[in-house]
Amino acid sequence: MPAKLRVMIRLARHGCTNRPFYHVVAIHNRRSRNSGAYLEQLGTYDPMPNNHNEKLVSFNFERVKYWLAKGATPTRPVAMLLGLSGFLPLHPMSTVLARRAQAKAEEKAKKAAEEAKQEEEEMS
């Protein structure tokens, strides 16, 4: 009798080179990421920012709830997306990444201000 396979909710990559697009799928854990033999597509994720600097995500929350009730476990990227959407509690890594991005932006702004100040001093 074969062992029961666990179901994962993971991202399956589609799209072109340098232009990823992901399907959120329910798939057995032993299947490869892009095998195409997934059980059900639960949503999509476009990580490339559009004209309004938005990364688009869509979920079929009823089906996600169904698979979670059946014992499916989401991978970390999917758990982060579900946390940011408010469906699951916020993933701890989301706050870490947000703090890192904020610190990097502050450092970049500080560096730009210092360069502007140096240019101003050279001009006078």
N, C-alpha and C. Protein backbone atom coordinates (compact mmCIF):
# COMPACT_ATOMS: atom_id res chain seq x y z
N MET A 1 0.85 -1.17 0.00
CA MET A 1 0.00 0.00 0.00
C MET A 1 0.90 1.24 0.00
N PRO A 2 0.71 2.18 -0.95
CA PRO A 2 1.59 3.36 -1.03
C PRO A 2 1.38 4.30 0.15
N ALA A 3 2.46 5.00 0.49
CA ALA A 3 2.38 5.97 1.58
C ALA A 3 1.52 7.15 1.15
N LYS A 4 0.81 7.71 2.11
CA LYS A 4 -0.05 8.86 1.81
C LYS A 4 0.83 10.09 1.58
N LEU A 5 0.62 10.76 0.45
CA LEU A 5 1.40 11.94 0.12
C LEU A 5 0.80 13.17 0.79
N ARG A 6 1.69 14.03 1.30
CA ARG A 6 1.24 15.29 1.87
C ARG A 6 0.97 16.27 0.75
N VAL A 7 0.04 17.15 1.01
CA VAL A 7 -0.28 18.20 0.03
C VAL A 7 0.33 19.50 0.50
N MET A 8 0.98 20.19 -0.43
CA MET A 8 1.59 21.49 -0.16
C MET A 8 0.86 22.54 -0.99
N ILE A 9 0.83 23.75 -0.48
CA ILE A 9 0.35 24.90 -1.26
C ILE A 9 1.60 25.69 -1.59
N ARG A 10 1.98 25.70 -2.87
CA ARG A 10 3.24 26.32 -3.26
C ARG A 10 3.08 27.12 -4.54
N LEU A 11 4.14 27.85 -4.88
CA LEU A 11 4.16 28.64 -6.10
C LEU A 11 4.75 27.80 -7.23
N ALA A 12 4.07 27.78 -8.38
CA ALA A 12 4.59 27.13 -9.57
C ALA A 12 4.94 28.24 -10.56
N ARG A 13 6.22 28.27 -10.97
CA ARG A 13 6.69 29.37 -11.82
C ARG A 13 6.25 29.18 -13.27
N HIS A 14 5.77 30.26 -13.84
CA HIS A 14 5.43 30.34 -15.26
C HIS A 14 6.03 31.64 -15.77
N GLY A 15 5.72 32.01 -16.98
CA GLY A 15 6.24 33.26 -17.51
C GLY A 15 7.53 33.03 -18.27
N CYS A 16 8.20 34.12 -18.61
CA CYS A 16 9.40 34.07 -19.44
C CYS A 16 10.64 34.32 -18.60
N THR A 17 11.78 34.25 -19.26
CA THR A 17 13.03 34.58 -18.61
C THR A 17 13.00 36.04 -18.20
N ASN A 18 13.44 36.34 -17.00
CA ASN A 18 13.44 37.70 -16.44
C ASN A 18 12.05 38.29 -16.29
N ARG A 19 11.01 37.52 -16.43
CA ARG A 19 9.63 38.01 -16.26
C ARG A 19 8.80 36.90 -15.62
N PRO A 20 9.03 36.63 -14.30
CA PRO A 20 8.32 35.53 -13.66
C PRO A 20 6.85 35.83 -13.42
N PHE A 21 6.07 34.79 -13.40
CA PHE A 21 4.66 34.83 -13.05
C PHE A 21 4.39 33.50 -12.37
N TYR A 22 3.68 33.53 -11.25
CA TYR A 22 3.49 32.32 -10.47
C TYR A 22 2.01 31.96 -10.35
N HIS A 23 1.74 30.65 -10.35
CA HIS A 23 0.43 30.14 -10.00
C HIS A 23 0.55 29.57 -8.59
N VAL A 24 -0.41 29.86 -7.74
CA VAL A 24 -0.47 29.27 -6.41
C VAL A 24 -1.26 27.98 -6.56
N VAL A 25 -0.61 26.84 -6.27
CA VAL A 25 -1.23 25.55 -6.55
C VAL A 25 -1.18 24.64 -5.32
N ALA A 26 -2.13 23.73 -5.26
CA ALA A 26 -2.11 22.63 -4.30
C ALA A 26 -1.50 21.44 -5.04
N ILE A 27 -0.43 20.88 -4.49
CA ILE A 27 0.31 19.82 -5.18
C ILE A 27 0.87 18.85 -4.15
N HIS A 28 1.06 17.60 -4.54
CA HIS A 28 1.69 16.64 -3.64
C HIS A 28 3.14 17.04 -3.41
N ASN A 29 3.64 16.82 -2.21
CA ASN A 29 4.96 17.32 -1.85
C ASN A 29 6.09 16.66 -2.62
N ARG A 30 5.89 15.51 -3.20
CA ARG A 30 6.96 14.83 -3.93
C ARG A 30 7.01 15.25 -5.41
N ARG A 31 6.05 15.98 -5.86
CA ARG A 31 6.05 16.44 -7.25
C ARG A 31 6.99 17.63 -7.39
N SER A 32 7.55 17.79 -8.58
CA SER A 32 8.42 18.95 -8.81
C SER A 32 7.57 20.20 -8.95
N ARG A 33 8.24 21.34 -8.83
CA ARG A 33 7.54 22.63 -8.80
C ARG A 33 6.70 22.86 -10.04
N ASN A 34 7.24 22.57 -11.21
CA ASN A 34 6.54 22.86 -12.46
C ASN A 34 6.14 21.60 -13.20
N SER A 35 5.83 20.55 -12.48
CA SER A 35 5.49 19.29 -13.15
C SER A 35 4.16 19.40 -13.90
N GLY A 36 3.32 20.32 -13.53
CA GLY A 36 2.03 20.47 -14.19
C GLY A 36 0.99 19.51 -13.65
N ALA A 37 1.40 18.60 -12.77
CA ALA A 37 0.48 17.63 -12.21
C ALA A 37 -0.03 18.10 -10.86
N TYR A 38 -0.45 19.34 -10.79
CA TYR A 38 -0.96 19.83 -9.52
C TYR A 38 -2.43 19.46 -9.36
N LEU A 39 -2.89 19.49 -8.13
CA LEU A 39 -4.26 19.09 -7.84
C LEU A 39 -5.25 20.19 -8.20
N GLU A 40 -4.88 21.44 -7.87
CA GLU A 40 -5.78 22.56 -8.15
C GLU A 40 -5.00 23.87 -8.11
N GLN A 41 -5.37 24.78 -9.00
CA GLN A 41 -4.80 26.12 -8.97
C GLN A 41 -5.64 26.98 -8.03
N LEU A 42 -4.97 27.62 -7.06
CA LEU A 42 -5.67 28.39 -6.03
C LEU A 42 -5.54 29.89 -6.19
N GLY A 43 -4.66 30.33 -7.08
CA GLY A 43 -4.48 31.76 -7.26
C GLY A 43 -3.29 32.06 -8.15
N THR A 44 -2.96 33.36 -8.24
CA THR A 44 -1.83 33.80 -9.04
C THR A 44 -1.06 34.86 -8.27
N TYR A 45 0.20 35.06 -8.68
CA TYR A 45 1.06 36.07 -8.07
C TYR A 45 1.98 36.62 -9.15
N ASP A 46 1.94 37.94 -9.32
CA ASP A 46 2.80 38.62 -10.28
C ASP A 46 3.77 39.49 -9.49
N PRO A 47 5.05 39.05 -9.33
CA PRO A 47 5.99 39.79 -8.49
C PRO A 47 6.58 41.03 -9.13
N MET A 48 6.35 41.24 -10.42
CA MET A 48 6.90 42.40 -11.10
C MET A 48 5.96 43.59 -10.89
N PRO A 49 6.48 44.72 -10.37
CA PRO A 49 5.62 45.88 -10.12
C PRO A 49 5.03 46.42 -11.43
N ASN A 50 3.76 46.81 -11.37
CA ASN A 50 3.12 47.39 -12.55
C ASN A 50 3.35 48.90 -12.56
N ASN A 51 2.59 49.64 -13.39
CA ASN A 51 2.77 51.08 -13.51
C ASN A 51 2.53 51.83 -12.20
N HIS A 52 1.72 51.26 -11.32
CA HIS A 52 1.40 51.89 -10.03
C HIS A 52 2.27 51.32 -8.91
N ASN A 53 3.35 50.62 -9.28
CA ASN A 53 4.28 50.02 -8.32
C ASN A 53 3.58 49.01 -7.40
N GLU A 54 2.67 48.22 -7.97
CA GLU A 54 1.92 47.22 -7.22
C GLU A 54 2.32 45.82 -7.70
N LYS A 55 2.43 44.90 -6.76
CA LYS A 55 2.63 43.49 -7.09
C LYS A 55 1.28 42.81 -6.90
N LEU A 56 0.75 42.23 -7.94
CA LEU A 56 -0.61 41.72 -7.93
C LEU A 56 -0.69 40.27 -7.46
N VAL A 57 -1.64 40.01 -6.55
CA VAL A 57 -1.88 38.68 -6.02
C VAL A 57 -3.37 38.43 -6.04
N SER A 58 -3.75 37.21 -6.41
CA SER A 58 -5.17 36.85 -6.31
C SER A 58 -5.25 35.44 -5.73
N PHE A 59 -6.23 35.23 -4.86
CA PHE A 59 -6.45 33.94 -4.22
C PHE A 59 -7.92 33.58 -4.32
N ASN A 60 -8.20 32.29 -4.41
CA ASN A 60 -9.54 31.77 -4.22
C ASN A 60 -9.58 31.29 -2.76
N PHE A 61 -9.96 32.19 -1.84
CA PHE A 61 -9.85 31.91 -0.41
C PHE A 61 -10.70 30.72 0.03
N GLU A 62 -11.82 30.47 -0.62
CA GLU A 62 -12.63 29.31 -0.24
C GLU A 62 -11.88 28.02 -0.49
N ARG A 63 -11.18 27.94 -1.63
CA ARG A 63 -10.43 26.73 -1.95
C ARG A 63 -9.16 26.63 -1.08
N VAL A 64 -8.54 27.76 -0.76
CA VAL A 64 -7.38 27.74 0.13
C VAL A 64 -7.82 27.21 1.50
N LYS A 65 -8.96 27.70 1.97
CA LYS A 65 -9.50 27.24 3.26
C LYS A 65 -9.78 25.73 3.22
N TYR A 66 -10.32 25.26 2.09
CA TYR A 66 -10.61 23.83 1.93
C TYR A 66 -9.33 23.01 2.05
N TRP A 67 -8.28 23.41 1.32
CA TRP A 67 -7.04 22.63 1.34
C TRP A 67 -6.34 22.72 2.69
N LEU A 68 -6.40 23.85 3.35
CA LEU A 68 -5.82 23.96 4.69
C LEU A 68 -6.56 23.05 5.67
N ALA A 69 -7.88 22.96 5.52
CA ALA A 69 -8.67 22.07 6.38
C ALA A 69 -8.34 20.61 6.11
N LYS A 70 -7.94 20.29 4.88
CA LYS A 70 -7.56 18.92 4.53
C LYS A 70 -6.16 18.57 5.01
N GLY A 71 -5.42 19.56 5.54
CA GLY A 71 -4.10 19.29 6.07
C GLY A 71 -2.96 19.77 5.19
N ALA A 72 -3.24 20.53 4.16
CA ALA A 72 -2.18 21.05 3.30
C ALA A 72 -1.38 22.10 4.06
N THR A 73 -0.09 22.14 3.80
CA THR A 73 0.77 23.12 4.45
C THR A 73 1.32 24.09 3.40
N PRO A 74 1.21 25.38 3.65
CA PRO A 74 1.76 26.34 2.69
C PRO A 74 3.27 26.48 2.85
N THR A 75 3.96 26.73 1.75
CA THR A 75 5.39 27.02 1.83
C THR A 75 5.57 28.43 2.39
N ARG A 76 6.81 28.79 2.73
CA ARG A 76 7.05 30.09 3.35
C ARG A 76 6.60 31.26 2.46
N PRO A 77 6.93 31.28 1.15
CA PRO A 77 6.46 32.40 0.33
C PRO A 77 4.94 32.50 0.27
N VAL A 78 4.26 31.36 0.20
CA VAL A 78 2.80 31.38 0.16
C VAL A 78 2.25 31.82 1.51
N ALA A 79 2.85 31.36 2.60
CA ALA A 79 2.41 31.77 3.94
C ALA A 79 2.59 33.27 4.12
N MET A 80 3.68 33.82 3.57
CA MET A 80 3.89 35.27 3.66
C MET A 80 2.82 36.02 2.87
N LEU A 81 2.50 35.53 1.67
CA LEU A 81 1.46 36.19 0.86
C LEU A 81 0.10 36.10 1.55
N LEU A 82 -0.22 34.94 2.10
CA LEU A 82 -1.50 34.78 2.81
C LEU A 82 -1.54 35.65 4.07
N GLY A 83 -0.39 35.82 4.73
CA GLY A 83 -0.33 36.69 5.91
C GLY A 83 -0.52 38.15 5.53
N LEU A 84 0.13 38.58 4.45
CA LEU A 84 -0.02 39.96 4.01
C LEU A 84 -1.44 40.26 3.53
N SER A 85 -2.13 39.23 3.02
CA SER A 85 -3.51 39.43 2.57
C SER A 85 -4.50 39.43 3.73
N GLY A 86 -4.04 39.01 4.93
CA GLY A 86 -4.92 39.01 6.09
C GLY A 86 -5.64 37.70 6.30
N PHE A 87 -5.37 36.70 5.48
CA PHE A 87 -6.04 35.41 5.60
C PHE A 87 -5.45 34.58 6.74
N LEU A 88 -4.13 34.60 6.87
CA LEU A 88 -3.42 33.92 7.96
C LEU A 88 -2.74 34.97 8.82
N PRO A 89 -2.28 34.61 10.01
CA PRO A 89 -1.49 35.57 10.80
C PRO A 89 -0.23 35.97 10.02
N LEU A 90 0.24 37.17 10.28
CA LEU A 90 1.40 37.70 9.59
C LEU A 90 2.62 36.82 9.87
N HIS A 91 3.30 36.44 8.82
CA HIS A 91 4.48 35.58 8.94
C HIS A 91 5.61 36.39 9.57
N PRO A 92 6.38 35.83 10.51
CA PRO A 92 7.45 36.59 11.17
C PRO A 92 8.50 37.13 10.20
N MET A 93 8.75 36.43 9.12
CA MET A 93 9.75 36.87 8.16
C MET A 93 9.30 38.13 7.43
N SER A 94 8.01 38.35 7.34
CA SER A 94 7.50 39.56 6.67
C SER A 94 7.97 40.82 7.39
N THR A 95 7.92 40.81 8.70
CA THR A 95 8.35 41.99 9.46
C THR A 95 9.86 42.18 9.37
N VAL A 96 10.60 41.08 9.36
CA VAL A 96 12.06 41.17 9.23
C VAL A 96 12.43 41.79 7.89
N LEU A 97 11.81 41.32 6.82
CA LEU A 97 12.10 41.86 5.49
C LEU A 97 11.69 43.33 5.38
N ALA A 98 10.58 43.69 6.03
CA ALA A 98 10.14 45.09 6.00
C ALA A 98 11.13 45.99 6.73
N ARG A 99 11.64 45.53 7.87
CA ARG A 99 12.64 46.32 8.61
C ARG A 99 13.92 46.48 7.81
N ARG A 100 14.35 45.41 7.14
CA ARG A 100 15.56 45.49 6.32
C ARG A 100 15.38 46.48 5.18
N ALA A 101 14.24 46.44 4.53
CA ALA A 101 13.98 47.36 3.41
C ALA A 101 13.92 48.80 3.91
N GLN A 102 13.32 49.02 5.07
CA GLN A 102 13.24 50.37 5.63
C GLN A 102 14.62 50.89 5.98
N ALA A 103 15.46 50.06 6.59
CA ALA A 103 16.82 50.47 6.95
C ALA A 103 17.64 50.78 5.70
N LYS A 104 17.46 49.99 4.67
CA LYS A 104 18.18 50.22 3.41
C LYS A 104 17.74 51.53 2.77
N ALA A 105 16.44 51.83 2.80
CA ALA A 105 15.92 53.08 2.23
C ALA A 105 16.43 54.28 3.02
N GLU A 106 16.46 54.17 4.35
CA GLU A 106 16.96 55.27 5.18
C GLU A 106 18.45 55.51 4.92
N GLU A 107 19.20 54.43 4.77
CA GLU A 107 20.63 54.55 4.48
C GLU A 107 20.86 55.22 3.13
N LYS A 108 20.05 54.85 2.15
CA LYS A 108 20.16 55.43 0.81
C LYS A 108 19.82 56.92 0.85
N ALA A 109 18.78 57.30 1.58
CA ALA A 109 18.39 58.70 1.69
C ALA A 109 19.48 59.51 2.41
N LYS A 110 20.06 58.92 3.45
CA LYS A 110 21.13 59.60 4.19
C LYS A 110 22.34 59.83 3.29
N LYS A 111 22.68 58.83 2.50
CA LYS A 111 23.81 58.93 1.59
C LYS A 111 23.55 60.00 0.52
N ALA A 112 22.34 60.06 -0.01
CA ALA A 112 21.99 61.06 -1.01
C ALA A 112 22.06 62.47 -0.41
N ALA A 113 21.61 62.61 0.84
CA ALA A 113 21.66 63.92 1.50
C ALA A 113 23.10 64.36 1.71
N GLU A 114 23.98 63.43 2.08
CA GLU A 114 25.39 63.76 2.28
C GLU A 114 26.04 64.18 0.96
N GLU A 115 25.71 63.48 -0.12
CA GLU A 115 26.27 63.83 -1.43
C GLU A 115 25.79 65.20 -1.88
N ALA A 116 24.51 65.50 -1.63
CA ALA A 116 23.97 66.81 -2.00
C ALA A 116 24.66 67.91 -1.19
N LYS A 117 24.93 67.63 0.08
CA LYS A 117 25.59 68.61 0.93
C LYS A 117 27.02 68.86 0.45
N GLN A 118 27.72 67.80 0.05
CA GLN A 118 29.09 67.94 -0.46
C GLN A 118 29.10 68.74 -1.76
N GLU A 119 28.15 68.48 -2.65
CA GLU A 119 28.06 69.23 -3.90
C GLU A 119 27.79 70.71 -3.63
N GLU A 120 26.95 70.99 -2.67
CA GLU A 120 26.62 72.37 -2.32
C GLU A 120 27.86 73.09 -1.77
N GLU A 121 28.65 72.38 -0.95
CA GLU A 121 29.86 72.98 -0.40
C GLU A 121 30.90 73.23 -1.50
N GLU A 122 30.97 72.34 -2.47
CA GLU A 122 31.92 72.53 -3.58
C GLU A 122 31.52 73.69 -4.47
N MET A 123 30.24 73.90 -4.62
CA MET A 123 29.74 74.99 -5.46
C MET A 123 30.04 76.36 -4.84
N SER A 124 30.07 76.45 -3.52
CA SER A 124 30.27 77.75 -2.87
C SER A 124 31.70 78.00 -2.51
